[in-house]
Amino acid sequence: MNVKGKHIGFGLTGSHCTYHEVVPQIQRLVDAGADVSPFVTHTVQNTTTRFGEGGEWIQKIIEITGKEPVDSIVKAEPFGPKTPLDCMVIAPLTGNSISKFANAMTDSPVLMGAKATMRNQKPVVLAISTNDGLGLNGVNIMRLMAAKNIYFVPFGQDDPYKKQNSLVAHMDYLLETVEAALEGKQLQPVLRMSL
């Protein structure tokens, strides 16, 4: 199923080193005809790193989507009952947010968008980026993989020799994962070779 005319939520959490790979995927969704509503965490908005300033990334997202990001839980809540999404994407999804999502801790606009989407029995697509995916967060990833209406962008180890526990999604498969999720399918194979 293609995404033309679909209302897609796109949430970003604080894996700053992956934004350069993630932001072009927002553009791909828009180019494919999706109506994209961006969601951001406090960290995305307010953190300056060697990968750029939060405000610069926010501006790029606004330019692509034509919309101000949903930046509070209050603004995110209506996406359940009043403005439902056809699909919610979280890319990148950090280990911190993986842990919270897997344990029903809704403390950010991004996680509220995901909760609202699940409430409506619609798909949530996760593109993980975590240094402990094969460590303490492994149990949380597996819990999410076993949950109804949750789909994963295929992922693998990004540096198996220097960071053995680190897992990162292959962001180039994001659009295809969303298309499959809209049909109730997980894009396969979900576990792929190292990046």
Protein backbone atom coordinates (compact mmCIF):
# COMPACT_ATOMS: atom_id res chain seq x y z
CA MET A 1 0.00 0.00 0.00
CA ASN A 2 1.47 3.37 -0.89
CA VAL A 3 1.40 6.35 1.45
CA LYS A 4 -0.29 8.84 -0.87
CA GLY A 5 -2.96 10.71 1.07
CA LYS A 6 -2.07 8.99 4.34
CA HIS A 7 -1.65 11.04 7.52
CA ILE A 8 1.71 9.99 8.95
CA GLY A 9 3.05 11.12 12.32
CA PHE A 10 6.84 11.31 12.36
CA GLY A 11 8.49 11.44 15.77
CA LEU A 12 12.15 12.15 16.44
CA THR A 13 13.96 11.36 19.68
CA GLY A 14 17.49 12.25 20.78
CA SER A 15 19.82 10.11 18.66
CA HIS A 16 21.48 13.17 17.16
CA CYS A 17 24.04 11.25 15.13
CA THR A 18 21.31 9.75 12.92
CA TYR A 19 19.36 12.90 12.00
CA HIS A 20 21.28 13.29 8.74
CA GLU A 21 19.91 9.87 7.73
CA VAL A 22 16.42 10.36 9.15
CA VAL A 23 15.48 13.81 7.81
CA PRO A 24 15.73 12.67 4.15
CA GLN A 25 13.22 9.92 4.99
CA ILE A 26 10.70 12.59 5.99
CA GLN A 27 11.26 14.12 2.57
CA ARG A 28 10.70 10.71 0.92
CA LEU A 29 7.34 10.36 2.69
CA VAL A 30 6.28 13.86 1.61
CA ASP A 31 7.45 13.22 -1.96
CA ALA A 32 5.39 10.02 -1.99
CA GLY A 33 2.27 12.05 -1.17
CA ALA A 34 1.97 11.55 2.59
CA ASP A 35 0.65 14.28 4.89
CA VAL A 36 3.39 14.28 7.55
CA SER A 37 2.88 15.72 11.04
CA PRO A 38 6.22 15.98 12.89
CA PHE A 39 6.60 15.27 16.61
CA VAL A 40 9.75 16.05 18.62
CA THR A 41 11.03 15.45 22.12
CA HIS A 42 12.44 18.17 24.37
CA THR A 43 15.92 16.82 23.64
CA VAL A 44 15.52 17.23 19.88
CA GLN A 45 14.42 20.84 20.30
CA ASN A 46 16.92 22.03 22.85
CA THR A 47 20.19 20.16 22.44
CA THR A 48 23.24 21.38 20.56
CA THR A 49 25.75 18.70 19.62
CA ARG A 50 28.58 18.26 17.12
CA PHE A 51 25.83 17.03 14.77
CA GLY A 52 24.04 20.40 14.81
CA GLU A 53 21.75 22.64 16.81
CA GLY A 54 18.23 21.57 17.73
CA GLY A 55 16.76 24.68 16.14
CA GLU A 56 18.46 23.94 12.82
CA TRP A 57 16.98 20.44 12.66
CA ILE A 58 13.54 21.77 13.62
CA GLN A 59 13.75 24.33 10.80
CA LYS A 60 14.60 21.61 8.26
CA ILE A 61 11.61 19.57 9.41
CA ILE A 62 9.31 22.59 9.09
CA GLU A 63 10.61 23.29 5.59
CA ILE A 64 9.93 19.70 4.49
CA THR A 65 6.51 19.20 6.10
CA GLY A 66 5.17 22.75 6.12
CA LYS A 67 4.14 22.20 9.74
CA GLU A 68 5.37 23.23 13.17
CA PRO A 69 6.37 20.14 15.16
CA VAL A 70 4.13 18.81 17.91
CA ASP A 71 6.32 19.66 20.89
CA SER A 72 4.20 18.96 23.97
CA ILE A 73 2.11 16.12 25.36
CA VAL A 74 -0.92 18.40 25.36
CA LYS A 75 -0.51 19.04 21.62
CA ALA A 76 0.04 15.34 20.93
CA GLU A 77 -3.00 13.94 22.77
CA PRO A 78 -5.63 15.02 20.16
CA PHE A 79 -3.99 12.77 17.57
CA GLY A 80 -5.92 9.94 19.21
CA PRO A 81 -9.57 11.03 19.15
CA LYS A 82 -9.73 14.20 17.03
CA THR A 83 -6.95 14.03 14.43
CA PRO A 84 -6.13 10.35 13.99
CA LEU A 85 -3.00 9.22 12.20
CA ASP A 86 -2.90 6.40 9.67
CA CYS A 87 0.57 5.50 10.98
CA MET A 88 3.07 6.83 13.53
CA VAL A 89 6.78 6.59 12.81
CA ILE A 90 9.48 7.08 15.44
CA ALA A 91 12.89 7.59 13.86
CA PRO A 92 15.33 7.61 15.45
CA LEU A 93 14.07 5.79 18.53
CA THR A 94 16.66 5.92 21.31
CA GLY A 95 17.28 3.26 23.92
CA ASN A 96 15.78 5.56 26.55
CA SER A 97 12.54 5.95 24.59
CA ILE A 98 12.50 2.22 23.70
CA SER A 99 12.53 1.43 27.42
CA LYS A 100 9.78 3.91 28.17
CA PHE A 101 7.56 2.84 25.27
CA ALA A 102 7.92 -0.87 26.10
CA ASN A 103 6.90 -0.13 29.70
CA ALA A 104 3.99 2.25 28.93
CA MET A 105 5.72 5.40 30.19
CA THR A 106 4.27 8.17 28.04
CA ASP A 107 6.36 11.19 28.97
CA SER A 108 7.07 12.90 25.63
CA PRO A 109 5.08 14.21 22.66
CA VAL A 110 6.55 11.44 20.51
CA LEU A 111 5.47 8.64 22.83
CA MET A 112 2.04 10.24 23.26
CA GLY A 113 1.67 10.25 19.47
CA ALA A 114 2.52 6.55 19.42
CA LYS A 115 0.10 5.80 22.28
CA ALA A 116 -2.67 7.72 20.52
CA THR A 117 -2.04 5.77 17.31
CA MET A 118 -2.11 2.42 19.10
CA ARG A 119 -5.37 3.45 20.77
CA ASN A 120 -6.85 3.67 17.28
CA GLN A 121 -5.48 0.24 16.28
CA LYS A 122 -3.17 1.80 13.68
CA PRO A 123 0.46 0.86 12.99
CA VAL A 124 3.46 2.30 14.79
CA VAL A 125 6.79 2.00 12.93
CA LEU A 126 10.01 2.09 14.96
CA ALA A 127 13.50 2.84 13.63
CA ILE A 128 15.83 2.08 16.53
CA SER A 129 19.16 3.69 17.31
CA THR A 130 20.58 2.46 20.59
CA ASN A 131 23.95 1.53 22.05
CA ASP A 132 22.39 -1.15 24.26
CA GLY A 133 20.05 -2.99 21.90
CA LEU A 134 21.93 -6.24 22.51
CA GLY A 135 22.37 -5.35 26.17
CA LEU A 136 19.88 -4.20 28.79
CA ASN A 137 17.45 -2.88 26.19
CA GLY A 138 17.23 -6.18 24.35
CA VAL A 139 14.27 -7.27 26.48
CA ASN A 140 12.41 -4.04 25.67
CA ILE A 141 12.99 -4.40 21.93
CA MET A 142 11.66 -7.97 22.05
CA ARG A 143 8.64 -6.84 24.06
CA LEU A 144 7.84 -4.27 21.37
CA MET A 145 8.45 -6.79 18.56
CA ALA A 146 5.85 -9.07 20.12
CA ALA A 147 3.25 -6.30 20.48
CA LYS A 148 0.30 -5.87 18.15
CA ASN A 149 0.48 -3.06 15.54
CA ILE A 150 4.19 -2.35 16.12
CA TYR A 151 6.59 -2.74 13.20
CA PHE A 152 10.35 -2.27 12.92
CA VAL A 153 12.47 -0.71 10.22
CA PRO A 154 15.05 -3.46 9.53
CA PHE A 155 18.09 -3.06 11.75
CA GLY A 156 21.56 -4.44 12.43
CA GLN A 157 24.77 -3.81 14.33
CA ASP A 158 26.41 -0.57 13.24
CA ASP A 159 29.85 -1.39 14.68
CA PRO A 160 30.02 -5.01 15.92
CA TYR A 161 33.69 -4.87 16.94
CA LYS A 162 33.85 -1.56 18.82
CA LYS A 163 30.20 -1.33 20.01
CA GLN A 164 29.00 -4.92 20.29
CA ASN A 165 25.62 -4.04 21.84
CA SER A 166 24.72 -1.23 19.44
CA LEU A 167 21.79 -1.58 16.99
CA VAL A 168 20.70 0.92 14.34
CA ALA A 169 17.88 0.81 11.82
CA HIS A 170 18.64 0.88 8.10
CA MET A 171 16.85 4.19 7.58
CA ASP A 172 16.71 3.71 3.79
CA TYR A 173 14.03 1.06 4.38
CA LEU A 174 11.73 3.40 6.30
CA LEU A 175 9.25 4.16 3.49
CA GLU A 176 8.99 0.49 2.54
CA THR A 177 8.43 -0.44 6.19
CA VAL A 178 5.60 2.08 6.49
CA GLU A 179 4.00 0.77 3.30
CA ALA A 180 4.13 -2.80 4.63
CA ALA A 181 2.86 -1.74 8.08
CA LEU A 182 -0.17 -0.07 6.51
CA GLU A 183 -1.02 -3.55 5.19
CA GLY A 184 -0.43 -5.14 8.60
CA LYS A 185 2.88 -6.72 7.56
CA GLN A 186 6.44 -6.56 8.90
CA LEU A 187 9.00 -5.82 6.18
CA GLN A 188 11.41 -8.75 6.05
CA PRO A 189 14.08 -9.62 6.84
CA VAL A 190 13.94 -7.43 9.94
CA LEU A 191 17.44 -8.45 11.07
CA ARG A 192 20.00 -7.40 8.48
CA MET A 193 23.75 -7.42 8.15
CA SER A 194 25.82 -4.70 9.82
CA LEU A 195 25.55 -1.20 8.41
